[in-house]
Protein backbone atom coordinates (compact mmCIF):
# COMPACT_ATOMS: atom_id res chain seq x y z
CA MET A 1 0.00 0.00 0.00
CA ILE A 2 2.83 2.39 0.87
CA THR A 3 4.52 1.69 -2.48
CA PHE A 4 1.23 2.19 -4.33
CA LEU A 5 0.55 5.52 -2.60
CA GLY A 6 4.12 6.66 -3.26
CA LEU A 7 3.76 5.88 -6.97
CA LEU A 8 0.39 7.66 -7.03
CA ILE A 9 1.94 10.80 -5.53
CA LEU A 10 4.75 10.65 -8.12
CA ILE A 11 2.20 10.36 -10.94
CA ILE A 12 0.15 13.36 -9.77
CA ALA A 13 3.40 15.33 -9.45
CA LEU A 14 4.31 14.55 -13.07
CA PHE A 15 0.86 15.72 -14.17
CA GLY A 16 1.39 19.12 -12.56
CA ALA A 17 -0.06 18.83 -9.05
CA PRO A 18 0.83 21.83 -6.83
CA LEU A 19 4.12 21.39 -5.01
CA PHE A 20 2.56 21.80 -1.55
CA VAL A 21 0.20 18.90 -2.38
CA VAL A 22 3.12 16.67 -3.41
CA ILE A 23 5.33 17.50 -0.42
CA GLY A 24 2.37 17.41 1.96
CA SER A 25 1.25 14.01 0.70
CA LEU A 26 4.73 12.54 0.97
CA THR A 27 5.15 13.94 4.47
CA LEU A 28 1.80 12.56 5.65
CA LEU A 29 2.64 9.19 4.07
CA PHE A 30 6.02 8.90 5.79
CA LEU A 31 4.83 10.19 9.16
CA SER A 32 1.71 8.03 9.30
CA ASN A 33 3.66 4.94 8.25
CA SER A 34 6.26 5.56 10.98
CA GLY A 35 3.77 6.27 13.75
CA PHE A 36 4.75 9.93 14.17
CA ASN A 37 2.29 12.49 15.52
CA ILE A 38 0.84 14.34 12.52
CA ASN A 39 0.02 17.32 14.76
CA GLY A 40 3.71 18.18 14.49
CA ILE A 41 3.06 19.42 10.95
CA PHE A 42 0.80 22.20 12.20
CA GLN A 43 3.35 23.12 14.84
CA GLU A 44 5.97 23.48 12.11
CA VAL A 45 3.66 25.67 9.99
CA TYR A 46 3.04 27.91 13.00
CA GLY A 47 6.76 27.96 13.79
CA VAL A 48 7.60 29.02 10.23
CA ALA A 49 4.97 31.76 10.27
CA THR A 50 6.33 33.26 13.50
CA LYS A 51 10.06 33.33 12.62
CA PRO A 52 11.12 37.03 12.71
CA ASP A 53 13.68 36.70 9.89
CA LEU A 54 11.14 35.12 7.56
CA LEU A 55 8.77 38.08 7.85
CA ALA A 56 10.70 39.45 4.88
CA ILE A 57 9.19 36.75 2.65
CA PRO A 58 5.64 38.21 2.43
CA LEU A 59 7.09 41.71 2.11
CA PHE A 60 9.46 40.81 -0.73
CA THR A 61 6.68 38.76 -2.36
CA LEU A 62 4.26 41.68 -2.19
CA ALA A 63 6.93 43.96 -3.66
CA GLY A 64 7.50 41.51 -6.50
CA TYR A 65 3.79 41.20 -7.26
CA ILE A 66 3.33 44.98 -7.29
CA LEU A 67 6.22 45.27 -9.74
CA SER A 68 4.87 42.43 -11.86
CA GLU A 69 1.40 44.00 -12.10
CA SER A 70 2.85 47.41 -13.03
CA ASN A 71 4.78 48.31 -16.16
CA THR A 72 8.12 47.79 -14.40
CA PRO A 73 8.97 44.54 -16.28
CA LYS A 74 8.48 46.36 -19.58
CA ARG A 75 10.69 49.23 -18.48
CA ILE A 76 13.43 46.87 -17.24
CA ILE A 77 13.33 44.92 -20.51
CA ASN A 78 13.37 48.15 -22.56
CA LEU A 79 16.43 49.32 -20.62
CA THR A 80 18.39 46.08 -20.98
CA ASN A 81 17.26 45.69 -24.60
CA ALA A 82 18.49 49.17 -25.47
CA ALA A 83 21.88 48.31 -23.95
CA LEU A 84 22.25 44.68 -25.08
CA GLY A 85 19.81 44.13 -27.96
CA TRP A 86 22.49 44.74 -30.61
CA MET A 87 24.37 41.47 -29.97
CA PRO A 88 23.56 37.96 -31.29
CA GLY A 89 21.14 36.32 -28.90
CA GLY A 90 20.52 39.79 -27.50
CA LEU A 91 16.98 39.15 -26.32
CA ALA A 92 18.04 35.96 -24.51
CA VAL A 93 20.86 37.87 -22.77
CA VAL A 94 18.36 40.61 -21.90
CA ALA A 95 16.15 37.96 -20.31
CA LEU A 96 19.06 36.65 -18.21
CA PHE A 97 20.06 40.08 -16.91
CA ALA A 98 16.46 41.20 -16.33
CA CYS A 99 15.61 38.03 -14.38
CA ALA A 100 18.78 38.26 -12.27
CA PHE A 101 18.06 41.92 -11.53
CA PHE A 102 14.45 41.19 -10.65
CA THR A 103 15.18 38.18 -8.42
CA ALA A 104 17.96 39.98 -6.55
CA PHE A 105 15.71 42.62 -5.07
CA THR A 106 12.41 40.77 -4.90
CA GLY A 107 14.06 37.77 -3.24
CA ALA A 108 11.70 35.26 -4.87
CA SER A 109 12.54 32.96 -7.78
CA GLY A 110 8.90 32.11 -8.52
CA VAL A 111 7.83 35.74 -8.63
CA THR A 112 10.44 36.40 -11.33
CA ILE A 113 9.07 33.60 -13.52
CA ILE A 114 5.54 34.88 -12.99
CA ALA A 115 6.39 38.56 -13.51
CA LEU A 116 8.88 38.43 -16.39
CA GLY A 117 8.12 35.02 -17.88
CA GLY A 118 4.74 36.00 -19.24
CA LEU A 119 6.27 39.09 -20.85
CA LEU A 120 9.43 37.52 -22.28
CA TYR A 121 7.93 34.21 -23.45
CA PRO A 122 5.90 35.63 -26.39
CA LEU A 123 8.69 38.11 -27.25
CA MET A 124 11.28 35.33 -27.56
CA LEU A 125 8.98 33.12 -29.63
CA LYS A 126 8.26 36.09 -31.89
CA ALA A 127 12.03 36.59 -32.26
CA ASN A 128 12.27 33.01 -33.62
CA TYR A 129 13.80 31.33 -30.58
CA SER A 130 12.64 27.73 -30.24
CA GLU A 131 10.01 27.01 -27.63
CA LYS A 132 12.29 24.49 -25.91
CA PHE A 133 15.15 27.00 -25.58
CA THR A 134 12.78 29.73 -24.39
CA LEU A 135 11.15 27.54 -21.74
CA GLY A 136 14.52 26.30 -20.49
CA LEU A 137 16.01 29.78 -20.24
CA LEU A 138 13.03 31.37 -18.47
CA THR A 139 12.65 28.43 -16.07
CA THR A 140 16.28 28.39 -14.94
CA SER A 141 16.67 32.19 -14.97
CA GLY A 142 14.16 32.53 -12.16
CA SER A 143 16.82 31.88 -9.51
CA LEU A 144 19.80 33.69 -11.09
CA GLY A 145 19.75 36.61 -8.69
CA LEU A 146 20.00 34.56 -5.50
CA LEU A 147 23.78 35.09 -5.21
CA PHE A 148 23.48 38.88 -5.47
CA PRO A 149 22.65 41.24 -2.60
CA PRO A 150 20.17 41.66 -1.02
CA SER A 151 19.32 37.97 -1.53
CA LEU A 152 17.20 36.70 1.34
CA ALA A 153 18.83 33.26 1.01
CA ILE A 154 22.27 34.77 1.70
CA ILE A 155 20.94 36.64 4.73
CA ILE A 156 19.33 33.55 6.24
CA TYR A 157 22.42 31.42 5.60
CA GLY A 158 24.60 34.05 7.26
CA VAL A 159 22.37 34.09 10.33
CA VAL A 160 22.23 30.29 10.60
CA ALA A 161 25.96 29.77 9.96
CA GLY A 162 27.10 32.73 12.08
CA ILE A 163 28.95 34.32 9.13
CA ASN A 164 29.23 38.04 8.41
CA ILE A 165 26.46 38.75 5.89
CA SER A 166 28.46 41.52 4.21
CA ASP A 167 31.23 38.99 3.48
CA LEU A 168 28.69 36.60 1.95
CA PHE A 169 27.27 39.43 -0.18
CA LYS A 170 30.77 40.19 -1.50
CA ALA A 171 31.56 36.50 -2.01
CA GLY A 172 28.48 35.89 -4.16
CA ILE A 173 29.13 38.68 -6.68
CA LEU A 174 31.85 37.09 -8.86
CA PRO A 175 30.31 33.57 -8.93
CA GLY A 176 26.95 35.15 -9.79
CA ILE A 177 28.51 37.15 -12.63
CA LEU A 178 30.34 34.05 -13.90
CA LEU A 179 27.08 32.11 -14.02
CA ILE A 180 25.34 34.84 -16.01
CA MET A 181 28.32 35.15 -18.38
CA LEU A 182 28.39 31.41 -19.17
CA LEU A 183 24.62 31.32 -19.73
CA SER A 184 24.93 34.45 -21.89
CA GLY A 185 27.66 32.77 -23.96
CA TYR A 186 25.38 29.79 -24.60
CA SER A 187 22.52 32.15 -25.48
CA ILE A 188 24.73 34.08 -27.93
CA ILE A 189 25.74 30.83 -29.66
CA LYS A 190 22.06 29.83 -29.96
CA GLY A 191 21.19 33.37 -31.07
CA LYS A 192 23.60 33.22 -34.01
CA GLY A 193 21.54 30.39 -35.44
CA SER A 194 18.21 32.20 -35.06
CA LYS A 195 16.60 34.81 -37.30
CA GLU A 196 16.28 37.29 -34.46
CA GLU A 197 16.11 40.94 -35.50
CA ARG A 198 18.84 42.87 -33.68
CA ILE A 199 18.43 46.38 -32.29
CA PRO A 200 21.18 48.84 -33.31
CA PHE A 201 22.95 50.41 -30.32
CA LYS A 202 22.09 54.09 -29.89
CA TRP A 203 23.02 56.26 -26.93
CA SER A 204 19.78 58.18 -27.41
CA SER A 205 17.77 54.96 -26.95
CA VAL A 206 19.76 54.00 -23.85
CA LEU A 207 19.31 57.44 -22.26
CA ALA A 208 15.60 57.39 -23.08
CA ALA A 209 15.26 53.97 -21.40
CA VAL A 210 17.20 55.21 -18.37
CA ARG A 211 14.90 58.23 -18.03
CA GLU A 212 11.90 55.90 -18.32
CA SER A 213 13.22 53.67 -15.49
CA LEU A 214 14.73 56.48 -13.42
CA TRP A 215 12.67 55.71 -10.30
CA GLU A 216 13.16 51.94 -10.49
CA ILE A 217 16.92 51.72 -11.11
CA PRO A 218 17.78 52.88 -7.53
CA MET A 219 15.67 50.15 -5.85
CA PRO A 220 18.36 47.46 -5.39
CA PHE A 221 21.01 50.05 -4.50
CA LEU A 222 18.69 51.53 -1.88
CA ILE A 223 18.39 48.14 -0.19
CA ILE A 224 22.11 47.34 -0.47
CA PHE A 225 23.09 50.72 1.00
CA GLY A 226 20.64 50.28 3.87
CA ILE A 227 21.86 46.78 4.75
CA TYR A 228 25.57 47.43 4.17
CA GLY A 229 25.39 50.67 6.14
CA GLY A 230 23.71 48.95 9.06
CA PHE A 231 20.71 51.26 8.87
CA VAL A 232 18.11 48.51 8.38
CA THR A 233 17.72 44.74 8.77
CA ALA A 234 16.61 42.54 5.87
CA THR A 235 13.00 42.67 7.09
CA GLU A 236 13.10 46.45 7.49
CA ALA A 237 14.67 46.75 4.03
CA ALA A 238 11.81 44.70 2.60
CA ALA A 239 9.29 47.00 4.30
CA VAL A 240 11.08 50.07 2.93
CA LEU A 241 11.06 48.49 -0.53
CA VAL A 242 7.29 47.88 -0.39
CA VAL A 243 6.59 51.50 0.65
CA TYR A 244 8.95 52.87 -2.01
CA ILE A 245 7.41 50.70 -4.73
CA LEU A 246 3.89 51.67 -3.71
CA ILE A 247 4.76 55.36 -3.94
CA VAL A 248 6.57 54.97 -7.27
CA GLU A 249 4.04 52.73 -9.03
CA VAL A 250 0.88 54.39 -7.68
CA PHE A 251 1.77 58.08 -7.40
CA VAL A 252 4.82 58.62 -9.67
CA TYR A 253 4.13 56.38 -12.67
CA GLY A 254 0.40 55.95 -12.04
CA ASP A 255 0.51 52.33 -13.24
CA LEU A 256 -1.72 51.11 -10.41
CA ASN A 257 -4.75 52.37 -8.51
CA ILE A 258 -4.38 52.22 -4.74
CA THR A 259 -8.06 51.43 -4.10
CA SER A 260 -8.82 48.97 -6.90
CA ASP A 261 -5.50 47.36 -7.90
CA ILE A 262 -3.46 47.15 -4.69
CA PRO A 263 -5.98 45.10 -2.61
CA LYS A 264 -6.23 42.52 -5.42
CA ILE A 265 -2.44 42.33 -5.71
CA MET A 266 -2.12 41.87 -1.95
CA GLN A 267 -4.62 39.02 -2.05
CA LYS A 268 -2.81 37.27 -4.93
CA SER A 269 0.60 37.65 -3.32
CA MET A 270 -0.56 36.33 0.03
CA VAL A 271 -1.95 33.20 -1.64
CA LEU A 272 1.58 32.50 -2.88
CA VAL A 273 3.00 33.31 0.57
CA GLY A 274 0.53 30.89 2.13
CA SER A 275 1.67 28.16 -0.28
CA ILE A 276 5.33 28.88 0.56
CA LEU A 277 4.64 28.70 4.30
CA VAL A 278 2.71 25.44 3.90
CA ILE A 279 5.56 23.96 1.82
CA MET A 280 8.09 25.06 4.43
CA GLY A 281 5.97 23.65 7.26
CA PHE A 282 5.66 20.26 5.57
CA ALA A 283 9.34 20.32 4.58
CA LEU A 284 10.40 20.98 8.17
CA ALA A 285 8.10 18.21 9.40
CA MET A 286 9.70 15.89 6.83
CA THR A 287 13.11 17.00 8.06
CA ASP A 288 12.13 16.21 11.65
CA TYR A 289 11.20 12.73 10.47
CA LEU A 290 14.54 12.28 8.66
CA ILE A 291 16.48 13.52 11.67
CA SER A 292 14.51 11.29 14.04
CA GLU A 293 15.37 8.35 11.80
CA GLU A 294 19.00 9.57 11.90
CA ILE A 295 19.22 9.47 8.11
CA PRO A 296 21.33 12.66 7.67
CA GLN A 297 23.65 11.63 10.50
CA SER A 298 24.16 8.23 8.88
CA ILE A 299 25.00 9.83 5.55
CA LEU A 300 27.51 12.17 7.15
CA GLU A 301 29.10 9.37 9.18
CA ILE A 302 29.62 7.38 5.99
CA MET A 303 31.15 10.46 4.36
CA GLN A 304 33.62 10.81 7.22
CA ILE A 305 34.65 7.14 6.99
CA TYR A 306 35.27 6.94 3.25
CA ILE A 307 36.33 10.50 2.36
CA THR A 308 40.01 11.17 2.95
CA GLY A 309 40.55 14.70 1.61
CA PRO A 310 38.94 18.06 0.77
CA PHE A 311 38.71 17.33 -2.98
CA MET A 312 36.60 14.21 -2.55
CA PHE A 313 34.62 15.83 0.24
CA LEU A 314 33.57 18.67 -2.07
CA VAL A 315 32.56 16.18 -4.80
CA VAL A 316 30.30 14.27 -2.41
CA LEU A 317 29.06 17.49 -0.81
CA ASN A 318 27.91 18.86 -4.17
CA ILE A 319 26.08 15.64 -5.03
CA PHE A 320 24.44 15.63 -1.61
CA LEU A 321 23.41 19.31 -1.82
CA LEU A 322 22.01 18.91 -5.34
CA VAL A 323 19.74 16.16 -4.04
CA VAL A 324 18.80 18.35 -1.08
CA GLY A 325 18.18 21.28 -3.45
CA PHE A 326 15.43 19.60 -5.43
CA LEU A 327 13.88 17.78 -2.46
CA LEU A 328 13.59 20.75 -0.08
CA ASP A 329 12.86 24.44 -0.56
CA ILE A 330 15.89 26.68 -0.12
CA PHE A 331 14.92 28.02 3.31
CA SER A 332 14.26 24.60 4.82
CA ALA A 333 17.53 23.33 3.37
CA ILE A 334 19.44 26.24 4.89
CA LEU A 335 17.76 25.95 8.27
CA VAL A 336 18.16 22.18 8.58
CA VAL A 337 21.09 20.98 6.47
CA SER A 338 23.66 23.76 6.90
CA PRO A 339 24.17 23.19 10.67
CA LEU A 340 24.99 19.55 9.86
CA ILE A 341 27.40 20.36 7.01
CA ILE A 342 29.35 23.31 8.45
CA PRO A 343 31.31 21.48 11.21
CA ILE A 344 32.27 18.62 8.86
CA ALA A 345 33.46 21.09 6.20
CA ALA A 346 35.60 22.81 8.85
CA GLU A 347 37.37 19.49 9.53
CA TYR A 348 38.37 19.35 5.87
CA GLY A 349 39.63 22.95 5.90
CA VAL A 350 36.90 24.45 3.70
CA ASP A 351 36.55 28.21 4.24
CA PRO A 352 33.10 28.92 5.78
CA VAL A 353 32.37 31.81 3.37
CA HIS A 354 33.39 29.67 0.37
CA LEU A 355 31.22 26.85 1.73
CA GLY A 356 28.28 29.25 1.94
CA ILE A 357 28.54 30.14 -1.77
CA ILE A 358 28.87 26.47 -2.74
CA PHE A 359 25.84 25.69 -0.58
CA LEU A 360 23.69 28.47 -2.07
CA LEU A 361 24.75 27.80 -5.67
CA ASN A 362 23.78 24.15 -5.26
CA LEU A 363 20.37 25.15 -3.96
CA GLU A 364 20.00 27.70 -6.78
CA ILE A 365 20.56 24.88 -9.28
CA GLY A 366 18.20 22.67 -7.28
CA TYR A 367 15.35 25.11 -7.99
CA SER A 368 15.40 23.90 -11.62
CA THR A 369 16.52 20.28 -11.15
CA PRO A 370 14.07 17.42 -11.89
CA PRO A 371 12.01 15.84 -10.53
CA VAL A 372 10.64 18.40 -8.03
CA GLY A 373 12.62 21.62 -8.51
CA LEU A 374 10.30 24.47 -7.53
CA ASN A 375 10.98 26.51 -10.70
CA LEU A 376 9.81 23.61 -12.85
CA PHE A 377 6.39 23.55 -11.20
CA ILE A 378 6.00 27.33 -11.24
CA ALA A 379 7.00 27.48 -14.92
CA SER A 380 4.64 24.61 -15.73
CA PHE A 381 1.81 26.61 -14.18
CA ARG A 382 2.87 29.96 -15.70
CA PHE A 383 3.37 28.73 -19.28
CA ASP A 384 0.69 26.01 -19.13
CA LYS A 385 3.11 23.28 -20.22
CA PRO A 386 3.47 19.65 -19.02
CA ILE A 387 6.16 19.23 -16.37
CA LEU A 388 8.00 16.69 -18.57
CA ASP A 389 8.46 19.35 -21.26
CA LEU A 390 10.10 21.60 -18.67
CA TYR A 391 12.44 18.78 -17.62
CA LYS A 392 13.77 18.44 -21.18
CA ALA A 393 14.01 22.19 -21.76
CA ALA A 394 15.97 22.86 -18.57
CA ILE A 395 18.70 20.22 -19.10
CA PRO A 396 21.18 22.30 -21.24
CA PHE A 397 20.99 25.20 -18.80
CA ILE A 398 21.41 22.91 -15.79
CA ILE A 399 24.58 21.50 -17.40
CA ILE A 400 26.02 25.03 -17.72
CA MET A 401 25.08 25.78 -14.11
CA LEU A 402 26.82 22.56 -13.00
CA ILE A 403 29.98 23.61 -14.88
CA THR A 404 29.84 26.92 -13.01
CA LEU A 405 29.43 25.02 -9.75
CA LEU A 406 32.59 22.99 -10.44
CA ILE A 407 34.57 26.17 -11.18
CA VAL A 408 33.31 27.91 -8.05
CA THR A 409 33.92 24.80 -5.93
CA TYR A 410 37.53 24.20 -6.94
CA ILE A 411 38.66 27.82 -7.38
CA PRO A 412 37.97 29.26 -3.90
CA SER A 413 39.57 32.60 -4.80
CA LEU A 414 36.61 33.35 -7.07
CA SER A 415 34.41 33.55 -3.96
CA LEU A 416 37.00 34.93 -1.56
CA PHE A 417 38.77 37.55 -3.72
CA LEU A 418 36.43 40.44 -2.90
CA VAL A 419 36.23 39.35 0.74
CA LYS A 420 39.97 39.26 1.32
């Protein structure tokens, strides 16, 4: 019966069932089969909802939804298109930079796919990019900004690991740029084979796009300055961002009406927040089950017995974290797995800041990794495509991200140069 129910859950996942349904069903199946108290799930959901650091999630999500419902995505794309549209594969490169920019200051991978995906998808198809390439790029681009400040994932990892958050912000910049550059190179190669119409570079067009986005360009810098300067916490920065965006989009640009549009946007964004909190609650309950069964401890003990040096440790660590990345959401993985990994990595002489970037890059890749990467399900919903189509489309981009991971893993100076 357990095997049958497990296969049934896998089938409904492949047919596009919501992620919280899949994770919730698996959690209930494992807990009920092991005799655990199911009430613990509701305790975990309550615990997640009351964590002070995680209050930034609904605020960043609301900010992202306000931006997505306004004309901000169009202005961002116009700006990047004016600057980069002249090159082969220009629109694909524009999509990469726009998604990274958007994710960095909204803090939510799924919001980026929802906000920019619907805008870029028809544009790229119209520019003669294949549907497979377009789906793969937009699905994997949703998490590109997670290594750039003010990434909420970096902040939470810094708090959990006891590492200076400013150092982690600095450490993520060069690996994040490398990842975008490699994906851009692949996009340029694909763009040379397409019949995309290129946009001639004109300073007048760039300046016009800058003037159009004048109030939105400062947003990420405002947050970075506030956090770096010690003026605000991540949660306070998120609150400031929401207020700033409300003023800009409602009163400066006039894209939204405060009485008719904003309440609807708040309702839509909180539905997503509720799903995230439910997923995190179930994921933490699942983690409690795994810890109670001593599964992570057993894995780590085996690692210590058979791994003799840092090189092999990092190989096994990456494999382990990639599995963790597509099984758990990024926050649950940080909260639960990082305290187990950090002391073992210290025994092998791995720098804690470097470890943090490896950890976060693995989880960033995990967002798009089959079978249950969160980006795959969000993209399946956003573009109305079967989940199996998204699996195939994401593979070339995942390979490039894995190459980046290897470079970042075995060249520590790439992460530590700006720190030291």
